[in-house]
Amino acid sequence: MSSRSLKMLGGAVSLTAMILLSGCATEGNESLKNETVTSIDQKIQDGVTTKAQIRAQFGDPRESSFTDSGHEQWRYSFTNASSDAANFIPLYGDLHQGTHGTEKTLTVLFNGDVVWHHTMNASTVKTGSGVF
């Protein structure tokens, strides 16, 4: 293989690696990654599921607090975001950076050691920064 072919191959490999590594980011509780409202409703039953079962299934909550009525509230979240294609356009990408993806949030309210109510939300998220 000639040195020119090796340089071209090296450039192609570097470009491919850069795109694959910089295009996607996840943050939060990985156990929510493939969950849906339906799958969560099958796993959590209000008035039946316990704190210990929630902790075993999803781990420690990202946030915990108490409501005004004294119920403990646990919150889990997971975000999966990808870079906008425009980020890679020369000059434009230097002036504007953006991402798009999905954020999932599971909120569980307890009455003592048993789930009182729960809800799962999935929202589209978009971020942007830069000059425009």
N, C-alpha and C. Protein backbone atom coordinates (compact mmCIF):
# COMPACT_ATOMS: atom_id res chain seq x y z
N MET A 1 0.84 -1.16 0.00
CA MET A 1 0.00 0.00 0.00
C MET A 1 0.90 1.24 0.00
N SER A 2 0.57 2.20 -0.81
CA SER A 2 1.39 3.41 -0.91
C SER A 2 1.14 4.33 0.29
N SER A 3 2.05 5.26 0.50
CA SER A 3 1.91 6.19 1.62
C SER A 3 0.68 7.08 1.44
N ARG A 4 0.36 7.40 0.20
CA ARG A 4 -0.83 8.22 -0.06
C ARG A 4 -2.09 7.46 0.32
N SER A 5 -2.15 6.18 -0.02
CA SER A 5 -3.31 5.36 0.34
C SER A 5 -3.44 5.24 1.85
N LEU A 6 -2.31 5.08 2.54
CA LEU A 6 -2.33 4.98 3.99
C LEU A 6 -2.81 6.28 4.63
N LYS A 7 -2.39 7.42 4.06
CA LYS A 7 -2.84 8.71 4.59
C LYS A 7 -4.35 8.88 4.40
N MET A 8 -4.85 8.50 3.23
CA MET A 8 -6.28 8.60 2.96
C MET A 8 -7.07 7.68 3.88
N LEU A 9 -6.58 6.46 4.08
CA LEU A 9 -7.24 5.51 4.97
C LEU A 9 -7.23 6.04 6.41
N GLY A 10 -6.10 6.57 6.83
CA GLY A 10 -5.99 7.13 8.18
C GLY A 10 -6.94 8.29 8.38
N GLY A 11 -7.07 9.15 7.37
CA GLY A 11 -8.00 10.28 7.45
C GLY A 11 -9.44 9.81 7.53
N ALA A 12 -9.78 8.81 6.74
CA ALA A 12 -11.14 8.28 6.75
C ALA A 12 -11.47 7.64 8.10
N VAL A 13 -10.53 6.89 8.65
CA VAL A 13 -10.74 6.26 9.95
C VAL A 13 -10.88 7.32 11.03
N SER A 14 -10.05 8.35 11.00
CA SER A 14 -10.12 9.43 11.99
C SER A 14 -11.45 10.16 11.92
N LEU A 15 -11.91 10.48 10.71
CA LEU A 15 -13.17 11.18 10.52
C LEU A 15 -14.34 10.33 11.02
N THR A 16 -14.34 9.06 10.68
CA THR A 16 -15.39 8.15 11.13
C THR A 16 -15.42 8.07 12.65
N ALA A 17 -14.27 7.92 13.28
CA ALA A 17 -14.19 7.84 14.74
C ALA A 17 -14.69 9.13 15.38
N MET A 18 -14.33 10.27 14.82
CA MET A 18 -14.76 11.56 15.37
C MET A 18 -16.28 11.68 15.32
N ILE A 19 -16.88 11.32 14.23
CA ILE A 19 -18.33 11.41 14.08
C ILE A 19 -19.03 10.45 15.03
N LEU A 20 -18.55 9.22 15.12
CA LEU A 20 -19.16 8.24 16.01
C LEU A 20 -19.04 8.63 17.47
N LEU A 21 -17.93 9.18 17.87
CA LEU A 21 -17.70 9.51 19.28
C LEU A 21 -18.35 10.81 19.71
N SER A 22 -18.53 11.75 18.80
CA SER A 22 -19.05 13.06 19.20
C SER A 22 -20.53 13.23 18.95
N GLY A 23 -21.20 12.27 18.36
CA GLY A 23 -22.58 12.47 17.93
C GLY A 23 -23.65 12.15 18.94
N CYS A 24 -23.35 11.47 20.07
CA CYS A 24 -24.40 11.02 20.96
C CYS A 24 -23.94 11.09 22.41
N ALA A 25 -24.88 11.43 23.29
CA ALA A 25 -24.56 11.47 24.73
C ALA A 25 -25.77 11.02 25.52
N THR A 26 -25.53 10.28 26.59
CA THR A 26 -26.59 9.88 27.50
C THR A 26 -26.23 10.34 28.90
N GLU A 27 -27.26 10.54 29.71
CA GLU A 27 -27.05 11.00 31.07
C GLU A 27 -28.21 10.50 31.91
N GLY A 28 -27.91 10.03 33.11
CA GLY A 28 -28.97 9.63 34.03
C GLY A 28 -29.00 8.14 34.29
N ASN A 29 -30.16 7.69 34.69
CA ASN A 29 -30.37 6.31 35.11
C ASN A 29 -30.60 5.40 33.90
N GLU A 30 -29.62 4.57 33.59
CA GLU A 30 -29.67 3.70 32.41
C GLU A 30 -30.85 2.72 32.44
N SER A 31 -31.37 2.41 33.65
CA SER A 31 -32.47 1.45 33.73
C SER A 31 -33.75 1.99 33.07
N LEU A 32 -33.83 3.30 32.83
CA LEU A 32 -35.00 3.88 32.16
C LEU A 32 -34.86 3.91 30.64
N LYS A 33 -33.70 3.59 30.15
CA LYS A 33 -33.39 3.75 28.72
C LYS A 33 -34.44 3.14 27.80
N ASN A 34 -34.86 1.91 28.07
CA ASN A 34 -35.80 1.22 27.18
C ASN A 34 -37.22 1.16 27.75
N GLU A 35 -37.47 1.90 28.82
CA GLU A 35 -38.79 1.86 29.46
C GLU A 35 -39.78 2.77 28.74
N THR A 36 -41.04 2.37 28.81
CA THR A 36 -42.15 3.16 28.28
C THR A 36 -43.19 3.32 29.39
N VAL A 37 -44.20 4.13 29.16
CA VAL A 37 -45.27 4.27 30.14
C VAL A 37 -45.89 2.90 30.42
N THR A 38 -46.12 2.12 29.37
CA THR A 38 -46.74 0.81 29.52
C THR A 38 -45.85 -0.14 30.31
N SER A 39 -44.56 -0.19 30.02
CA SER A 39 -43.67 -1.11 30.73
C SER A 39 -43.52 -0.73 32.20
N ILE A 40 -43.51 0.58 32.49
CA ILE A 40 -43.43 1.03 33.88
C ILE A 40 -44.72 0.66 34.62
N ASP A 41 -45.87 0.84 33.98
CA ASP A 41 -47.14 0.48 34.61
C ASP A 41 -47.23 -1.02 34.90
N GLN A 42 -46.55 -1.85 34.12
CA GLN A 42 -46.52 -3.29 34.38
C GLN A 42 -45.60 -3.62 35.55
N LYS A 43 -44.58 -2.81 35.79
CA LYS A 43 -43.61 -3.07 36.85
C LYS A 43 -43.99 -2.45 38.19
N ILE A 44 -44.74 -1.34 38.16
CA ILE A 44 -45.10 -0.62 39.38
C ILE A 44 -46.61 -0.62 39.52
N GLN A 45 -47.09 -1.12 40.64
CA GLN A 45 -48.53 -1.13 40.92
C GLN A 45 -48.78 -0.28 42.16
N ASP A 46 -49.55 0.79 41.99
CA ASP A 46 -49.88 1.66 43.12
C ASP A 46 -50.57 0.83 44.20
N GLY A 47 -50.14 1.05 45.46
CA GLY A 47 -50.73 0.35 46.59
C GLY A 47 -50.18 -1.05 46.81
N VAL A 48 -49.27 -1.51 45.92
CA VAL A 48 -48.73 -2.87 46.03
C VAL A 48 -47.20 -2.87 46.07
N THR A 49 -46.57 -2.19 45.11
CA THR A 49 -45.11 -2.20 44.99
C THR A 49 -44.48 -1.46 46.18
N THR A 50 -43.38 -2.01 46.70
CA THR A 50 -42.72 -1.42 47.87
C THR A 50 -41.50 -0.60 47.48
N LYS A 51 -41.02 0.20 48.46
CA LYS A 51 -39.80 0.98 48.26
C LYS A 51 -38.63 0.07 47.90
N ALA A 52 -38.53 -1.04 48.61
CA ALA A 52 -37.43 -1.98 48.37
C ALA A 52 -37.47 -2.51 46.93
N GLN A 53 -38.66 -2.78 46.41
CA GLN A 53 -38.79 -3.28 45.03
C GLN A 53 -38.40 -2.19 44.02
N ILE A 54 -38.80 -0.95 44.30
CA ILE A 54 -38.42 0.17 43.41
C ILE A 54 -36.91 0.33 43.41
N ARG A 55 -36.30 0.31 44.59
CA ARG A 55 -34.84 0.47 44.70
C ARG A 55 -34.11 -0.69 44.00
N ALA A 56 -34.64 -1.90 44.13
CA ALA A 56 -34.03 -3.06 43.47
C ALA A 56 -34.12 -2.94 41.95
N GLN A 57 -35.24 -2.41 41.46
CA GLN A 57 -35.46 -2.29 40.01
C GLN A 57 -34.69 -1.13 39.38
N PHE A 58 -34.68 0.04 40.06
CA PHE A 58 -34.14 1.25 39.44
C PHE A 58 -32.94 1.86 40.17
N GLY A 59 -32.57 1.31 41.32
CA GLY A 59 -31.45 1.85 42.08
C GLY A 59 -31.87 3.06 42.91
N ASP A 60 -30.88 3.79 43.40
CA ASP A 60 -31.16 4.98 44.19
C ASP A 60 -31.72 6.08 43.30
N PRO A 61 -32.66 6.87 43.81
CA PRO A 61 -33.24 7.94 42.99
C PRO A 61 -32.24 9.07 42.77
N ARG A 62 -32.44 9.80 41.69
CA ARG A 62 -31.62 10.99 41.41
C ARG A 62 -31.94 12.09 42.41
N GLU A 63 -33.22 12.21 42.75
CA GLU A 63 -33.70 13.21 43.72
C GLU A 63 -34.71 12.55 44.63
N SER A 64 -34.73 12.99 45.87
CA SER A 64 -35.80 12.57 46.78
C SER A 64 -36.21 13.78 47.60
N SER A 65 -37.52 13.87 47.88
CA SER A 65 -38.06 15.00 48.63
C SER A 65 -39.37 14.56 49.26
N PHE A 66 -40.02 15.48 49.94
CA PHE A 66 -41.32 15.23 50.54
C PHE A 66 -42.33 16.23 50.02
N THR A 67 -43.56 15.77 49.81
CA THR A 67 -44.62 16.66 49.38
C THR A 67 -45.16 17.41 50.59
N ASP A 68 -46.01 18.41 50.35
CA ASP A 68 -46.62 19.17 51.45
C ASP A 68 -47.45 18.27 52.37
N SER A 69 -47.98 17.19 51.78
CA SER A 69 -48.80 16.27 52.59
C SER A 69 -47.96 15.20 53.29
N GLY A 70 -46.63 15.26 53.13
CA GLY A 70 -45.74 14.35 53.85
C GLY A 70 -45.37 13.07 53.13
N HIS A 71 -45.80 12.91 51.89
CA HIS A 71 -45.43 11.72 51.11
C HIS A 71 -44.00 11.87 50.57
N GLU A 72 -43.24 10.80 50.68
CA GLU A 72 -41.89 10.82 50.12
C GLU A 72 -41.98 10.69 48.61
N GLN A 73 -41.13 11.45 47.90
CA GLN A 73 -41.13 11.45 46.44
C GLN A 73 -39.74 11.12 45.93
N TRP A 74 -39.66 10.12 45.06
CA TRP A 74 -38.39 9.76 44.41
C TRP A 74 -38.52 10.10 42.94
N ARG A 75 -37.42 10.62 42.36
CA ARG A 75 -37.41 10.99 40.95
C ARG A 75 -36.20 10.37 40.26
N TYR A 76 -36.45 9.73 39.13
CA TYR A 76 -35.42 9.14 38.28
C TYR A 76 -35.50 9.81 36.92
N SER A 77 -34.36 9.96 36.24
CA SER A 77 -34.39 10.55 34.90
C SER A 77 -33.30 9.93 34.02
N PHE A 78 -33.55 9.98 32.73
CA PHE A 78 -32.60 9.51 31.72
C PHE A 78 -32.75 10.38 30.48
N THR A 79 -31.64 10.88 29.97
CA THR A 79 -31.66 11.71 28.76
C THR A 79 -30.74 11.09 27.71
N ASN A 80 -31.24 10.99 26.50
CA ASN A 80 -30.46 10.50 25.36
C ASN A 80 -30.49 11.60 24.31
N ALA A 81 -29.33 12.20 24.02
CA ALA A 81 -29.27 13.33 23.09
C ALA A 81 -28.22 13.09 22.01
N SER A 82 -28.49 13.62 20.85
CA SER A 82 -27.57 13.55 19.71
C SER A 82 -27.27 14.95 19.22
N SER A 83 -26.07 15.12 18.71
CA SER A 83 -25.69 16.42 18.14
C SER A 83 -26.44 16.67 16.85
N ASP A 84 -26.85 17.92 16.65
CA ASP A 84 -27.48 18.29 15.39
C ASP A 84 -26.46 18.19 14.26
N ALA A 85 -26.91 17.78 13.10
CA ALA A 85 -26.02 17.65 11.94
C ALA A 85 -25.37 18.98 11.58
N ALA A 86 -26.07 20.08 11.82
CA ALA A 86 -25.53 21.41 11.48
C ALA A 86 -24.28 21.75 12.28
N ASN A 87 -24.07 21.07 13.41
CA ASN A 87 -22.86 21.32 14.22
C ASN A 87 -21.59 21.04 13.42
N PHE A 88 -21.69 20.19 12.42
CA PHE A 88 -20.51 19.76 11.67
C PHE A 88 -20.29 20.55 10.38
N ILE A 89 -21.11 21.57 10.14
CA ILE A 89 -20.93 22.43 8.97
C ILE A 89 -19.84 23.45 9.29
N PRO A 90 -18.80 23.52 8.47
CA PRO A 90 -17.73 24.48 8.74
C PRO A 90 -18.29 25.90 8.88
N LEU A 91 -17.72 26.66 9.78
CA LEU A 91 -18.09 28.02 10.14
C LEU A 91 -19.44 28.08 10.88
N TYR A 92 -20.51 27.58 10.29
CA TYR A 92 -21.81 27.59 10.96
C TYR A 92 -21.73 26.82 12.27
N GLY A 93 -21.12 25.64 12.22
CA GLY A 93 -20.97 24.82 13.42
C GLY A 93 -20.11 25.47 14.49
N ASP A 94 -19.22 26.36 14.08
CA ASP A 94 -18.41 27.10 15.05
C ASP A 94 -19.24 28.16 15.78
N LEU A 95 -20.30 28.62 15.16
CA LEU A 95 -21.12 29.69 15.73
C LEU A 95 -22.39 29.20 16.41
N HIS A 96 -22.78 27.97 16.14
CA HIS A 96 -24.01 27.43 16.71
C HIS A 96 -23.82 25.94 17.01
N GLN A 97 -24.15 25.52 18.22
CA GLN A 97 -24.11 24.12 18.61
C GLN A 97 -25.49 23.74 19.15
N GLY A 98 -25.99 22.59 18.75
CA GLY A 98 -27.30 22.16 19.21
C GLY A 98 -27.38 20.65 19.37
N THR A 99 -28.31 20.22 20.21
CA THR A 99 -28.59 18.80 20.39
C THR A 99 -30.10 18.59 20.39
N HIS A 100 -30.49 17.36 20.15
CA HIS A 100 -31.90 16.98 20.22
C HIS A 100 -31.98 15.56 20.76
N GLY A 101 -33.08 15.23 21.40
CA GLY A 101 -33.22 13.88 21.94
C GLY A 101 -34.47 13.74 22.78
N THR A 102 -34.41 12.79 23.73
CA THR A 102 -35.54 12.46 24.58
C THR A 102 -35.11 12.42 26.03
N GLU A 103 -35.94 12.97 26.89
CA GLU A 103 -35.72 12.88 28.33
C GLU A 103 -36.88 12.12 28.95
N LYS A 104 -36.56 11.10 29.74
CA LYS A 104 -37.57 10.31 30.44
C LYS A 104 -37.47 10.60 31.93
N THR A 105 -38.62 10.78 32.57
CA THR A 105 -38.66 11.04 34.01
C THR A 105 -39.67 10.11 34.66
N LEU A 106 -39.23 9.41 35.70
CA LEU A 106 -40.10 8.56 36.51
C LEU A 106 -40.21 9.19 37.89
N THR A 107 -41.42 9.48 38.31
CA THR A 107 -41.68 10.03 39.64
C THR A 107 -42.52 9.04 40.41
N VAL A 108 -42.08 8.73 41.65
CA VAL A 108 -42.79 7.77 42.48
C VAL A 108 -43.08 8.41 43.83
N LEU A 109 -44.34 8.41 44.23
CA LEU A 109 -44.77 8.92 45.54
C LEU A 109 -45.09 7.73 46.44
N PHE A 110 -44.63 7.80 47.69
CA PHE A 110 -44.83 6.70 48.63
C PHE A 110 -45.74 7.12 49.77
N ASN A 111 -46.54 6.18 50.21
CA ASN A 111 -47.32 6.30 51.43
C ASN A 111 -46.72 5.28 52.39
N GLY A 112 -45.82 5.71 53.25
CA GLY A 112 -45.04 4.78 54.07
C GLY A 112 -44.02 4.07 53.19
N ASP A 113 -44.05 2.74 53.19
CA ASP A 113 -43.11 1.96 52.39
C ASP A 113 -43.72 1.41 51.11
N VAL A 114 -44.92 1.87 50.75
CA VAL A 114 -45.62 1.35 49.58
C VAL A 114 -45.87 2.50 48.59
N VAL A 115 -45.80 2.19 47.29
CA VAL A 115 -46.06 3.19 46.25
C VAL A 115 -47.50 3.68 46.37
N TRP A 116 -47.64 4.99 46.44
CA TRP A 116 -48.97 5.61 46.49
C TRP A 116 -49.42 5.95 45.07
N HIS A 117 -48.56 6.69 44.32
CA HIS A 117 -48.80 7.03 42.91
C HIS A 117 -47.46 7.05 42.18
N HIS A 118 -47.51 6.82 40.89
CA HIS A 118 -46.30 6.94 40.06
C HIS A 118 -46.70 7.50 38.69
N THR A 119 -45.71 8.10 38.03
CA THR A 119 -45.93 8.60 36.68
C THR A 119 -44.62 8.54 35.90
N MET A 120 -44.74 8.26 34.61
CA MET A 120 -43.59 8.21 33.69
C MET A 120 -43.88 9.17 32.56
N ASN A 121 -42.92 10.04 32.27
CA ASN A 121 -43.05 11.00 31.18
C ASN A 121 -41.86 10.86 30.23
N ALA A 122 -42.11 11.04 28.96
CA ALA A 122 -41.05 11.09 27.95
C ALA A 122 -41.26 12.37 27.15
N SER A 123 -40.26 13.23 27.14
CA SER A 123 -40.37 14.52 26.48
C SER A 123 -39.26 14.69 25.45
N THR A 124 -39.58 15.37 24.37
CA THR A 124 -38.57 15.74 23.39
C THR A 124 -37.82 16.94 23.93
N VAL A 125 -36.48 16.87 23.86
CA VAL A 125 -35.66 17.99 24.33
C VAL A 125 -34.77 18.48 23.20
N LYS A 126 -34.53 19.78 23.20
CA LYS A 126 -33.66 20.41 22.20
C LYS A 126 -32.89 21.50 22.90
N THR A 127 -31.59 21.53 22.67
CA THR A 127 -30.76 22.57 23.25
C THR A 127 -30.02 23.28 22.13
N GLY A 128 -29.66 24.52 22.39
CA GLY A 128 -28.89 25.27 21.42
C GLY A 128 -28.08 26.34 22.12
N SER A 129 -26.93 26.63 21.56
CA SER A 129 -26.10 27.71 22.08
C SER A 129 -25.30 28.30 20.94
N GLY A 130 -24.82 29.49 21.17
CA GLY A 130 -24.03 30.14 20.14
C GLY A 130 -24.62 31.46 19.72
N VAL A 131 -24.12 31.98 18.63
CA VAL A 131 -24.52 33.30 18.14
C VAL A 131 -25.95 33.28 17.62
N PHE A 132 -26.35 32.19 16.96
CA PHE A 132 -27.72 32.10 16.43
C PHE A 132 -28.22 30.69 16.49
